Amino acid sequence: MSLIQYDFAALDTLTGDLNRNFARLEQLSGQLRTQVNALATHWQSAQGAQAYQDAQHHWDRVFDESRTRLNNLSSAVTKASSTMGNTDMRVGRTFAV
């Protein structure tokens, strides 16, 4: 029989890394939007500007969905880690003398 082992520190690190990396993506997205908005006054055609706006709206929607999914994943990892730790302690107490 193999041992069941949880690396709680690694789970905490995973959650932190997910949140940090997504925050970095949000920062880069904001920088890109700022640069594109500065260029927007130079569009040569209304069609080009509209095509960009359509693409930007699509990107924003996908990005928001990704943020929601990542937040859900982060919360689930945190909850699972806590649940595993609490369960491990309760099981350990059943064998205490």
PDB file of N, CA and C in Angstrom:
ATOM      1  N   MET A   1       0.855  -1.175   0.000  1.00  0.00           N
ATOM      2  CA  MET A   1       0.000   0.000   0.000  1.00  0.00           C
ATOM      3  C   MET A   1       0.897   1.234   0.000  1.00  0.00           C
ATOM      4  N   SER A   2       0.572   2.175  -0.824  1.00  0.00           N
ATOM      5  CA  SER A   2       1.367   3.406  -0.877  1.00  0.00           C
ATOM      6  C   SER A   2       0.782   4.449   0.071  1.00  0.00           C
ATOM      7  N   LEU A   3       1.633   5.374   0.455  1.00  0.00           N
ATOM      8  CA  LEU A   3       1.222   6.449   1.356  1.00  0.00           C
ATOM      9  C   LEU A   3       0.492   7.543   0.594  1.00  0.00           C
ATOM     10  N   ILE A   4      -0.473   8.122   1.246  1.00  0.00           N
ATOM     11  CA  ILE A   4      -1.141   9.299   0.692  1.00  0.00           C
ATOM     12  C   ILE A   4      -0.439  10.510   1.284  1.00  0.00           C
ATOM     13  N   GLN A   5       0.146  11.308   0.419  1.00  0.00           N
ATOM     14  CA  GLN A   5       0.864  12.489   0.888  1.00  0.00           C
ATOM     15  C   GLN A   5       0.381  13.713   0.120  1.00  0.00           C
ATOM     16  N   TYR A   6       0.249  14.801   0.857  1.00  0.00           N
ATOM     17  CA  TYR A   6      -0.154  16.066   0.250  1.00  0.00           C
ATOM     18  C   TYR A   6       0.962  17.064   0.463  1.00  0.00           C
ATOM     19  N   ASP A   7       1.261  17.796  -0.560  1.00  0.00           N
ATOM     20  CA  ASP A   7       2.268  18.852  -0.442  1.00  0.00           C
ATOM     21  C   ASP A   7       1.513  20.178  -0.350  1.00  0.00           C
ATOM     22  N   PHE A   8       1.158  20.539   0.888  1.00  0.00           N
ATOM     23  CA  PHE A   8       0.346  21.736   1.093  1.00  0.00           C
ATOM     24  C   PHE A   8       1.074  23.000   0.651  1.00  0.00           C
ATOM     25  N   ALA A   9       2.386  23.035   0.856  1.00  0.00           N
ATOM     26  CA  ALA A   9       3.158  24.206   0.423  1.00  0.00           C
ATOM     27  C   ALA A   9       3.100  24.346  -1.100  1.00  0.00           C
ATOM     28  N   ALA A  10       3.179  23.221  -1.811  1.00  0.00           N
ATOM     29  CA  ALA A  10       3.110  23.267  -3.278  1.00  0.00           C
ATOM     30  C   ALA A  10       1.731  23.726  -3.741  1.00  0.00           C
ATOM     31  N   LEU A  11       0.685  23.304  -3.039  1.00  0.00           N
ATOM     32  CA  LEU A  11      -0.663  23.755  -3.397  1.00  0.00           C
ATOM     33  C   LEU A  11      -0.810  25.256  -3.170  1.00  0.00           C
ATOM     34  N   ASP A  12      -0.259  25.748  -2.062  1.00  0.00           N
ATOM     35  CA  ASP A  12      -0.283  27.197  -1.807  1.00  0.00           C
ATOM     36  C   ASP A  12       0.504  27.946  -2.873  1.00  0.00           C
ATOM     37  N   THR A  13       1.663  27.379  -3.252  1.00  0.00           N
ATOM     38  CA  THR A  13       2.486  28.000  -4.290  1.00  0.00           C
ATOM     39  C   THR A  13       1.741  28.024  -5.618  1.00  0.00           C
ATOM     40  N   LEU A  14       1.068  26.928  -5.942  1.00  0.00           N
ATOM     41  CA  LEU A  14       0.291  26.859  -7.184  1.00  0.00           C
ATOM     42  C   LEU A  14      -0.764  27.954  -7.226  1.00  0.00           C
ATOM     43  N   THR A  15      -1.497  28.100  -6.147  1.00  0.00           N
ATOM     44  CA  THR A  15      -2.533  29.130  -6.087  1.00  0.00           C
ATOM     45  C   THR A  15      -1.934  30.519  -6.259  1.00  0.00           C
ATOM     46  N   GLY A  16      -0.848  30.789  -5.549  1.00  0.00           N
ATOM     47  CA  GLY A  16      -0.191  32.094  -5.660  1.00  0.00           C
ATOM     48  C   GLY A  16       0.343  32.350  -7.053  1.00  0.00           C
ATOM     49  N   ASP A  17       0.960  31.320  -7.656  1.00  0.00           N
ATOM     50  CA  ASP A  17       1.504  31.469  -9.010  1.00  0.00           C
ATOM     51  C   ASP A  17       0.398  31.736 -10.026  1.00  0.00           C
ATOM     52  N   LEU A  18      -0.706  31.021  -9.910  1.00  0.00           N
ATOM     53  CA  LEU A  18      -1.830  31.250 -10.828  1.00  0.00           C
ATOM     54  C   LEU A  18      -2.314  32.694 -10.737  1.00  0.00           C
ATOM     55  N   ASN A  19      -2.496  33.155  -9.521  1.00  0.00           N
ATOM     56  CA  ASN A  19      -2.990  34.525  -9.333  1.00  0.00           C
ATOM     57  C   ASN A  19      -1.980  35.563  -9.806  1.00  0.00           C
ATOM     58  N   ARG A  20      -0.706  35.357  -9.499  1.00  0.00           N
ATOM     59  CA  ARG A  20       0.336  36.310  -9.926  1.00  0.00           C
ATOM     60  C   ARG A  20       0.456  36.369 -11.443  1.00  0.00           C
ATOM     61  N   ASN A  21       0.455  35.199 -12.078  1.00  0.00           N
ATOM     62  CA  ASN A  21       0.607  35.177 -13.533  1.00  0.00           C
ATOM     63  C   ASN A  21      -0.594  35.792 -14.235  1.00  0.00           C
ATOM     64  N   PHE A  22      -1.785  35.578 -13.710  1.00  0.00           N
ATOM     65  CA  PHE A  22      -2.942  36.202 -14.340  1.00  0.00           C
ATOM     66  C   PHE A  22      -2.934  37.706 -14.123  1.00  0.00           C
ATOM     67  N   ALA A  23      -2.482  38.140 -12.956  1.00  0.00           N
ATOM     68  CA  ALA A  23      -2.361  39.585 -12.705  1.00  0.00           C
ATOM     69  C   ALA A  23      -1.377  40.198 -13.696  1.00  0.00           C
ATOM     70  N   ARG A  24      -0.313  39.471 -14.005  1.00  0.00           N
ATOM     71  CA  ARG A  24       0.665  39.961 -14.990  1.00  0.00           C
ATOM     72  C   ARG A  24       0.016  40.053 -16.376  1.00  0.00           C
ATOM     73  N   LEU A  25      -0.781  39.062 -16.736  1.00  0.00           N
ATOM     74  CA  LEU A  25      -1.496  39.119 -18.015  1.00  0.00           C
ATOM     75  C   LEU A  25      -2.440  40.312 -18.066  1.00  0.00           C
ATOM     76  N   GLU A  26      -3.120  40.580 -16.958  1.00  0.00           N
ATOM     77  CA  GLU A  26      -4.009  41.746 -16.910  1.00  0.00           C
ATOM     78  C   GLU A  26      -3.216  43.033 -17.097  1.00  0.00           C
ATOM     79  N   GLN A  27      -2.044  43.098 -16.489  1.00  0.00           N
ATOM     80  CA  GLN A  27      -1.195  44.284 -16.628  1.00  0.00           C
ATOM     81  C   GLN A  27      -0.759  44.460 -18.084  1.00  0.00           C
ATOM     82  N   LEU A  28      -0.307  43.378 -18.708  1.00  0.00           N
ATOM     83  CA  LEU A  28       0.123  43.451 -20.107  1.00  0.00           C
ATOM     84  C   LEU A  28      -1.047  43.804 -21.026  1.00  0.00           C
ATOM     85  N   SER A  29      -2.207  43.256 -20.743  1.00  0.00           N
ATOM     86  CA  SER A  29      -3.391  43.573 -21.535  1.00  0.00           C
ATOM     87  C   SER A  29      -3.721  45.059 -21.440  1.00  0.00           C
ATOM     88  N   GLY A  30      -3.618  45.609 -20.253  1.00  0.00           N
ATOM     89  CA  GLY A  30      -3.864  47.041 -20.064  1.00  0.00           C
ATOM     90  C   GLY A  30      -2.866  47.898 -20.819  1.00  0.00           C
ATOM     91  N   GLN A  31      -1.599  47.481 -20.795  1.00  0.00           N
ATOM     92  CA  GLN A  31      -0.572  48.227 -21.530  1.00  0.00           C
ATOM     93  C   GLN A  31      -0.845  48.188 -23.028  1.00  0.00           C
ATOM     94  N   LEU A  32      -1.209  47.013 -23.520  1.00  0.00           N
ATOM     95  CA  LEU A  32      -1.518  46.877 -24.944  1.00  0.00           C
ATOM     96  C   LEU A  32      -2.711  47.741 -25.326  1.00  0.00           C
ATOM     97  N   ARG A  33      -3.736  47.721 -24.494  1.00  0.00           N
ATOM     98  CA  ARG A  33      -4.928  48.531 -24.775  1.00  0.00           C
ATOM     99  C   ARG A  33      -4.566  50.019 -24.824  1.00  0.00           C
ATOM    100  N   THR A  34      -3.726  50.469 -23.911  1.00  0.00           N
ATOM    101  CA  THR A  34      -3.297  51.870 -23.890  1.00  0.00           C
ATOM    102  C   THR A  34      -2.586  52.235 -25.188  1.00  0.00           C
ATOM    103  N   GLN A  35      -1.707  51.343 -25.645  1.00  0.00           N
ATOM    104  CA  GLN A  35      -0.973  51.615 -26.884  1.00  0.00           C
ATOM    105  C   GLN A  35      -1.898  51.622 -28.095  1.00  0.00           C
ATOM    106  N   VAL A  36      -2.816  50.685 -28.141  1.00  0.00           N
ATOM    107  CA  VAL A  36      -3.745  50.628 -29.275  1.00  0.00           C
ATOM    108  C   VAL A  36      -4.676  51.831 -29.269  1.00  0.00           C
ATOM    109  N   ASN A  37      -5.141  52.230 -28.088  1.00  0.00           N
ATOM    110  CA  ASN A  37      -6.009  53.408 -28.015  1.00  0.00           C
ATOM    111  C   ASN A  37      -5.292  54.659 -28.503  1.00  0.00           C
ATOM    112  N   ALA A  38      -3.989  54.741 -28.255  1.00  0.00           N
ATOM    113  CA  ALA A  38      -3.217  55.882 -28.749  1.00  0.00           C
ATOM    114  C   ALA A  38      -3.149  55.872 -30.275  1.00  0.00           C
ATOM    115  N   LEU A  39      -3.165  54.688 -30.856  1.00  0.00           N
ATOM    116  CA  LEU A  39      -3.123  54.574 -32.317  1.00  0.00           C
ATOM    117  C   LEU A  39      -4.501  54.741 -32.960  1.00  0.00           C
ATOM    118  N   ALA A  40      -5.550  54.603 -32.175  1.00  0.00           N
ATOM    119  CA  ALA A  40      -6.911  54.595 -32.719  1.00  0.00           C
ATOM    120  C   ALA A  40      -7.257  55.863 -33.482  1.00  0.00           C
ATOM    121  N   THR A  41      -6.656  56.972 -33.113  1.00  0.00           N
ATOM    122  CA  THR A  41      -6.956  58.224 -33.814  1.00  0.00           C
ATOM    123  C   THR A  41      -6.400  58.229 -35.232  1.00  0.00           C
ATOM    124  N   HIS A  42      -5.561  57.253 -35.551  1.00  0.00           N
ATOM    125  CA  HIS A  42      -4.915  57.218 -36.864  1.00  0.00           C
ATOM    126  C   HIS A  42      -5.493  56.154 -37.801  1.00  0.00           C
ATOM    127  N   TRP A  43      -6.643  55.573 -37.452  1.00  0.00           N
ATOM    128  CA  TRP A  43      -7.246  54.586 -38.337  1.00  0.00           C
ATOM    129  C   TRP A  43      -7.552  55.250 -39.671  1.00  0.00           C
ATOM    130  N   GLN A  44      -7.276  54.548 -40.741  1.00  0.00           N
ATOM    131  CA  GLN A  44      -7.532  55.074 -42.075  1.00  0.00           C
ATOM    132  C   GLN A  44      -8.952  54.770 -42.554  1.00  0.00           C
ATOM    133  N   SER A  45      -9.567  53.777 -41.945  1.00  0.00           N
ATOM    134  CA  SER A  45     -10.918  53.428 -42.393  1.00  0.00           C
ATOM    135  C   SER A  45     -11.788  53.076 -41.190  1.00  0.00           C
ATOM    136  N   ALA A  46     -13.062  53.350 -41.359  1.00  0.00           N
ATOM    137  CA  ALA A  46     -14.016  52.990 -40.308  1.00  0.00           C
ATOM    138  C   ALA A  46     -14.110  51.470 -40.180  1.00  0.00           C
ATOM    139  N   GLN A  47     -13.929  50.762 -41.304  1.00  0.00           N
ATOM    140  CA  GLN A  47     -13.983  49.298 -41.269  1.00  0.00           C
ATOM    141  C   GLN A  47     -12.843  48.729 -40.433  1.00  0.00           C
ATOM    142  N   GLY A  48     -11.660  49.298 -40.583  1.00  0.00           N
ATOM    143  CA  GLY A  48     -10.511  48.843 -39.794  1.00  0.00           C
ATOM    144  C   GLY A  48     -10.733  49.080 -38.315  1.00  0.00           C
ATOM    145  N   ALA A  49     -11.247  50.248 -37.990  1.00  0.00           N
ATOM    146  CA  ALA A  49     -11.519  50.571 -36.589  1.00  0.00           C
ATOM    147  C   ALA A  49     -12.583  49.636 -36.022  1.00  0.00           C
ATOM    148  N   GLN A  50     -13.620  49.367 -36.805  1.00  0.00           N
ATOM    149  CA  GLN A  50     -14.686  48.480 -36.338  1.00  0.00           C
ATOM    150  C   GLN A  50     -14.175  47.056 -36.174  1.00  0.00           C
ATOM    151  N   ALA A  51     -13.345  46.606 -37.105  1.00  0.00           N
ATOM    152  CA  ALA A  51     -12.785  45.254 -37.005  1.00  0.00           C
ATOM    153  C   ALA A  51     -11.956  45.122 -35.732  1.00  0.00           C
ATOM    154  N   TYR A  52     -11.180  46.159 -35.428  1.00  0.00           N
ATOM    155  CA  TYR A  52     -10.402  46.124 -34.185  1.00  0.00           C
ATOM    156  C   TYR A  52     -11.329  46.092 -32.971  1.00  0.00           C
ATOM    157  N   GLN A  53     -12.350  46.938 -32.961  1.00  0.00           N
ATOM    158  CA  GLN A  53     -13.277  46.977 -31.824  1.00  0.00           C
ATOM    159  C   GLN A  53     -13.961  45.621 -31.618  1.00  0.00           C
ATOM    160  N   ASP A  54     -14.343  44.988 -32.721  1.00  0.00           N
ATOM    161  CA  ASP A  54     -14.963  43.662 -32.627  1.00  0.00           C
ATOM    162  C   ASP A  54     -13.986  42.658 -32.016  1.00  0.00           C
ATOM    163  N   ALA A  55     -12.751  42.684 -32.500  1.00  0.00           N
ATOM    164  CA  ALA A  55     -11.732  41.774 -31.965  1.00  0.00           C
ATOM    165  C   ALA A  55     -11.459  42.071 -30.494  1.00  0.00           C
ATOM    166  N   GLN A  56     -11.426  43.350 -30.131  1.00  0.00           N
ATOM    167  CA  GLN A  56     -11.167  43.731 -28.742  1.00  0.00           C
ATOM    168  C   GLN A  56     -12.298  43.261 -27.828  1.00  0.00           C
ATOM    169  N   HIS A  57     -13.535  43.405 -28.283  1.00  0.00           N
ATOM    170  CA  HIS A  57     -14.675  42.940 -27.480  1.00  0.00           C
ATOM    171  C   HIS A  57     -14.618  41.422 -27.282  1.00  0.00           C
ATOM    172  N   HIS A  58     -14.239  40.708 -28.346  1.00  0.00           N
ATOM    173  CA  HIS A  58     -14.094  39.255 -28.241  1.00  0.00           C
ATOM    174  C   HIS A  58     -12.999  38.913 -27.230  1.00  0.00           C
ATOM    175  N   TRP A  59     -11.859  39.580 -27.340  1.00  0.00           N
ATOM    176  CA  TRP A  59     -10.745  39.349 -26.415  1.00  0.00           C
ATOM    177  C   TRP A  59     -11.181  39.644 -24.979  1.00  0.00           C
ATOM    178  N   ASP A  60     -11.871  40.745 -24.781  1.00  0.00           N
ATOM    179  CA  ASP A  60     -12.322  41.107 -23.430  1.00  0.00           C
ATOM    180  C   ASP A  60     -13.242  40.035 -22.846  1.00  0.00           C
ATOM    181  N   ARG A  61     -14.132  39.520 -23.664  1.00  0.00           N
ATOM    182  CA  ARG A  61     -15.059  38.481 -23.202  1.00  0.00           C
ATOM    183  C   ARG A  61     -14.299  37.209 -22.826  1.00  0.00           C
ATOM    184  N   VAL A  62     -13.391  36.787 -23.693  1.00  0.00           N
ATOM    185  CA  VAL A  62     -12.598  35.582 -23.422  1.00  0.00           C
ATOM    186  C   VAL A  62     -11.726  35.783 -22.188  1.00  0.00           C
ATOM    187  N   PHE A  63     -11.145  36.964 -22.063  1.00  0.00           N
ATOM    188  CA  PHE A  63     -10.285  37.269 -20.920  1.00  0.00           C
ATOM    189  C   PHE A  63     -11.097  37.247 -19.622  1.00  0.00           C
ATOM    190  N   ASP A  64     -12.290  37.830 -19.640  1.00  0.00           N
ATOM    191  CA  ASP A  64     -13.155  37.820 -18.457  1.00  0.00           C
ATOM    192  C   ASP A  64     -13.566  36.397 -18.077  1.00  0.00           C
ATOM    193  N   GLU A  65     -13.881  35.586 -19.082  1.00  0.00           N
ATOM    194  CA  GLU A  65     -14.227  34.187 -18.812  1.00  0.00           C
ATOM    195  C   GLU A  65     -13.033  33.451 -18.211  1.00  0.00           C
ATOM    196  N   SER A  66     -11.849  33.712 -18.733  1.00  0.00           N
ATOM    197  CA  SER A  66     -10.633  33.081 -18.210  1.00  0.00           C
ATOM    198  C   SER A  66     -10.381  33.508 -16.774  1.00  0.00           C
ATOM    199  N   ARG A  67     -10.600  34.786 -16.492  1.00  0.00           N
ATOM    200  CA  ARG A  67     -10.419  35.285 -15.123  1.00  0.00           C
ATOM    201  C   ARG A  67     -11.364  34.561 -14.167  1.00  0.00           C
ATOM    202  N   THR A  68     -12.614  34.419 -14.572  1.00  0.00           N
ATOM    203  CA  THR A  68     -13.592  33.723 -13.736  1.00  0.00           C
ATOM    204  C   THR A  68     -13.173  32.280 -13.501  1.00  0.00           C
ATOM    205  N   ARG A  69     -12.753  31.603 -14.553  1.00  0.00           N
ATOM    206  CA  ARG A  69     -12.326  30.204 -14.419  1.00  0.00           C
ATOM    207  C   ARG A  69     -11.090  30.084 -13.543  1.00  0.00           C
ATOM    208  N   LEU A  70     -10.149  30.993 -13.715  1.00  0.00           N
ATOM    209  CA  LEU A  70      -8.936  30.953 -12.904  1.00  0.00           C
ATOM    210  C   LEU A  70      -9.258  31.222 -11.440  1.00  0.00           C
ATOM    211  N   ASN A  71     -10.118  32.186 -11.182  1.00  0.00           N
ATOM    212  CA  ASN A  71     -10.521  32.458  -9.799  1.00  0.00           C
ATOM    213  C   ASN A  71     -11.209  31.243  -9.184  1.00  0.00           C
ATOM    214  N   ASN A  72     -12.049  30.574  -9.963  1.00  0.00           N
ATOM    215  CA  ASN A  72     -12.710  29.363  -9.475  1.00  0.00           C
ATOM    216  C   ASN A  72     -11.695  28.261  -9.195  1.00  0.00           C
ATOM    217  N   LEU A  73     -10.720  28.100 -10.094  1.00  0.00           N
ATOM    218  CA  LEU A  73      -9.677  27.095  -9.896  1.00  0.00           C
ATOM    219  C   LEU A  73      -8.859  27.405  -8.654  1.00  0.00           C
ATOM    220  N   SER A  74      -8.467  28.650  -8.502  1.00  0.00           N
ATOM    221  CA  SER A  74      -7.683  29.063  -7.341  1.00  0.00           C
ATOM    222  C   SER A  74      -8.448  28.798  -6.049  1.00  0.00           C
ATOM    223  N   SER A  75      -9.718  29.150  -6.032  1.00  0.00           N
ATOM    224  CA  SER A  75     -10.550  28.903  -4.847  1.00  0.00           C
ATOM    225  C   SER A  75     -10.689  27.411  -4.573  1.00  0.00           C
ATOM    226  N   ALA A  76     -10.861  26.626  -5.622  1.00  0.00           N
ATOM    227  CA  ALA A  76     -11.014  25.177  -5.453  1.00  0.00           C
ATOM    228  C   ALA A  76      -9.735  24.546  -4.908  1.00  0.00           C
ATOM    229  N   VAL A  77      -8.579  24.977  -5.401  1.00  0.00           N
ATOM    230  CA  VAL A  77      -7.308  24.442  -4.899  1.00  0.00           C
ATOM    231  C   VAL A  77      -7.133  24.807  -3.431  1.00  0.00           C
ATOM    232  N   THR A  78      -7.441  26.055  -3.083  1.00  0.00           N
ATOM    233  CA  THR A  78      -7.331  26.489  -1.687  1.00  0.00           C
ATOM    234  C   THR A  78      -8.276  25.688  -0.800  1.00  0.00           C
ATOM    235  N   LYS A  79      -9.508  25.512  -1.249  1.00  0.00           N
ATOM    236  CA  LYS A  79     -10.496  24.760  -0.464  1.00  0.00           C
ATOM    237  C   LYS A  79     -10.082  23.297  -0.337  1.00  0.00           C
ATOM    238  N   ALA A  80      -9.611  22.701  -1.428  1.00  0.00           N
ATOM    239  CA  ALA A  80      -9.187  21.301  -1.385  1.00  0.00           C
ATOM    240  C   ALA A  80      -8.016  21.115  -0.429  1.00  0.00           C
ATOM    241  N   SER A  81      -7.076  22.026  -0.461  1.00  0.00           N
ATOM    242  CA  SER A  81      -5.923  21.947   0.439  1.00  0.00           C
ATOM    243  C   SER A  81      -6.375  22.021   1.891  1.00  0.00           C
ATOM    244  N   SER A  82      -7.259  22.938   2.184  1.00  0.00           N
ATOM    245  CA  SER A  82      -7.779  23.091   3.542  1.00  0.00           C
ATOM    246  C   SER A  82      -8.554  21.847   3.974  1.00  0.00           C
ATOM    247  N   THR A  83      -9.396  21.347   3.087  1.00  0.00           N
ATOM    248  CA  THR A  83     -10.183  20.154   3.394  1.00  0.00           C
ATOM    249  C   THR A  83      -9.278  18.951   3.639  1.00  0.00           C
ATOM    250  N   MET A  84      -8.261  18.784   2.795  1.00  0.00           N
ATOM    251  CA  MET A  84      -7.339  17.663   2.975  1.00  0.00           C
ATOM    252  C   MET A  84      -6.596  17.778   4.301  1.00  0.00           C
ATOM    253  N   GLY A  85      -6.150  18.979   4.641  1.00  0.00           N
ATOM    254  CA  GLY A  85      -5.447  19.191   5.905  1.00  0.00           C
ATOM    255  C   GLY A  85      -6.332  18.898   7.099  1.00  0.00           C
ATOM    256  N   ASN A  86      -7.560  19.390   7.077  1.00  0.00           N
ATOM    257  CA  ASN A  86      -8.503  19.147   8.177  1.00  0.00           C
ATOM    258  C   ASN A  86      -8.852  17.667   8.300  1.00  0.00           C
ATOM    259  N   THR A  87      -9.074  17.021   7.171  1.00  0.00           N
ATOM    260  CA  THR A  87      -9.392  15.594   7.181  1.00  0.00           C
ATOM    261  C   THR A  87      -8.222  14.791   7.727  1.00  0.00           C
ATOM    262  N   ASP A  88      -7.020  15.139   7.302  1.00  0.00           N
ATOM    263  CA  ASP A  88      -5.825  14.444   7.778  1.00  0.00           C
ATOM    264  C   ASP A  88      -5.697  14.573   9.300  1.00  0.00           C
ATOM    265  N   MET A  89      -5.963  15.761   9.834  1.00  0.00           N
ATOM    266  CA  MET A  89      -5.885  15.954  11.287  1.00  0.00           C
ATOM    267  C   MET A  89      -6.959  15.137  12.009  1.00  0.00           C
ATOM    268  N   ARG A  90      -8.179  15.129  11.467  1.00  0.00           N
ATOM    269  CA  ARG A  90      -9.257  14.356  12.106  1.00  0.00           C
ATOM    270  C   ARG A  90      -8.940  12.865  12.100  1.00  0.00           C
ATOM    271  N   VAL A  91      -8.446  12.370  10.987  1.00  0.00           N
ATOM    272  CA  VAL A  91      -8.080  10.956  10.909  1.00  0.00           C
ATOM    273  C   VAL A  91      -6.955  10.662  11.896  1.00  0.00           C
ATOM    274  N   GLY A  92      -5.978  11.555  11.953  1.00  0.00           N
ATOM    275  CA  GLY A  92      -4.870  11.371  12.894  1.00  0.00           C
ATOM    276  C   GLY A  92      -5.346  11.319  14.330  1.00  0.00           C
ATOM    277  N   ARG A  93      -6.337  12.130  14.676  1.00  0.00           N
ATOM    278  CA  ARG A  93      -6.855  12.145  16.053  1.00  0.00           C
ATOM    279  C   ARG A  93      -7.585  10.847  16.404  1.00  0.00           C
ATOM    280  N   THR A  94      -8.129  10.161  15.409  1.00  0.00           N
ATOM    281  CA  THR A  94      -8.824   8.903  15.710  1.00  0.00           C
ATOM    282  C   THR A  94      -7.853   7.827  16.171  1.00  0.00           C
ATOM    283  N   PHE A  95      -6.579   7.984  15.849  1.00  0.00           N
ATOM    284  CA  PHE A  95      -5.575   7.012  16.262  1.00  0.00           C
ATOM    285  C   PHE A  95      -4.802   7.462  17.488  1.00  0.00           C
ATOM    286  N   ALA A  96      -5.096   8.653  17.981  1.00  0.00           N
ATOM    287  CA  ALA A  96      -4.373   9.180  19.143  1.00  0.00           C
ATOM    288  C   ALA A  96      -4.738   8.376  20.385  1.00  0.00           C
ATOM    289  N   VAL A  97      -3.768   8.220  21.213  1.00  0.00           N
ATOM    290  CA  VAL A  97      -3.992   7.449  22.444  1.00  0.00           C
ATOM    291  C   VAL A  97      -4.120   8.380  23.615  1.00  0.00           C
TER     292      VAL A  97
END
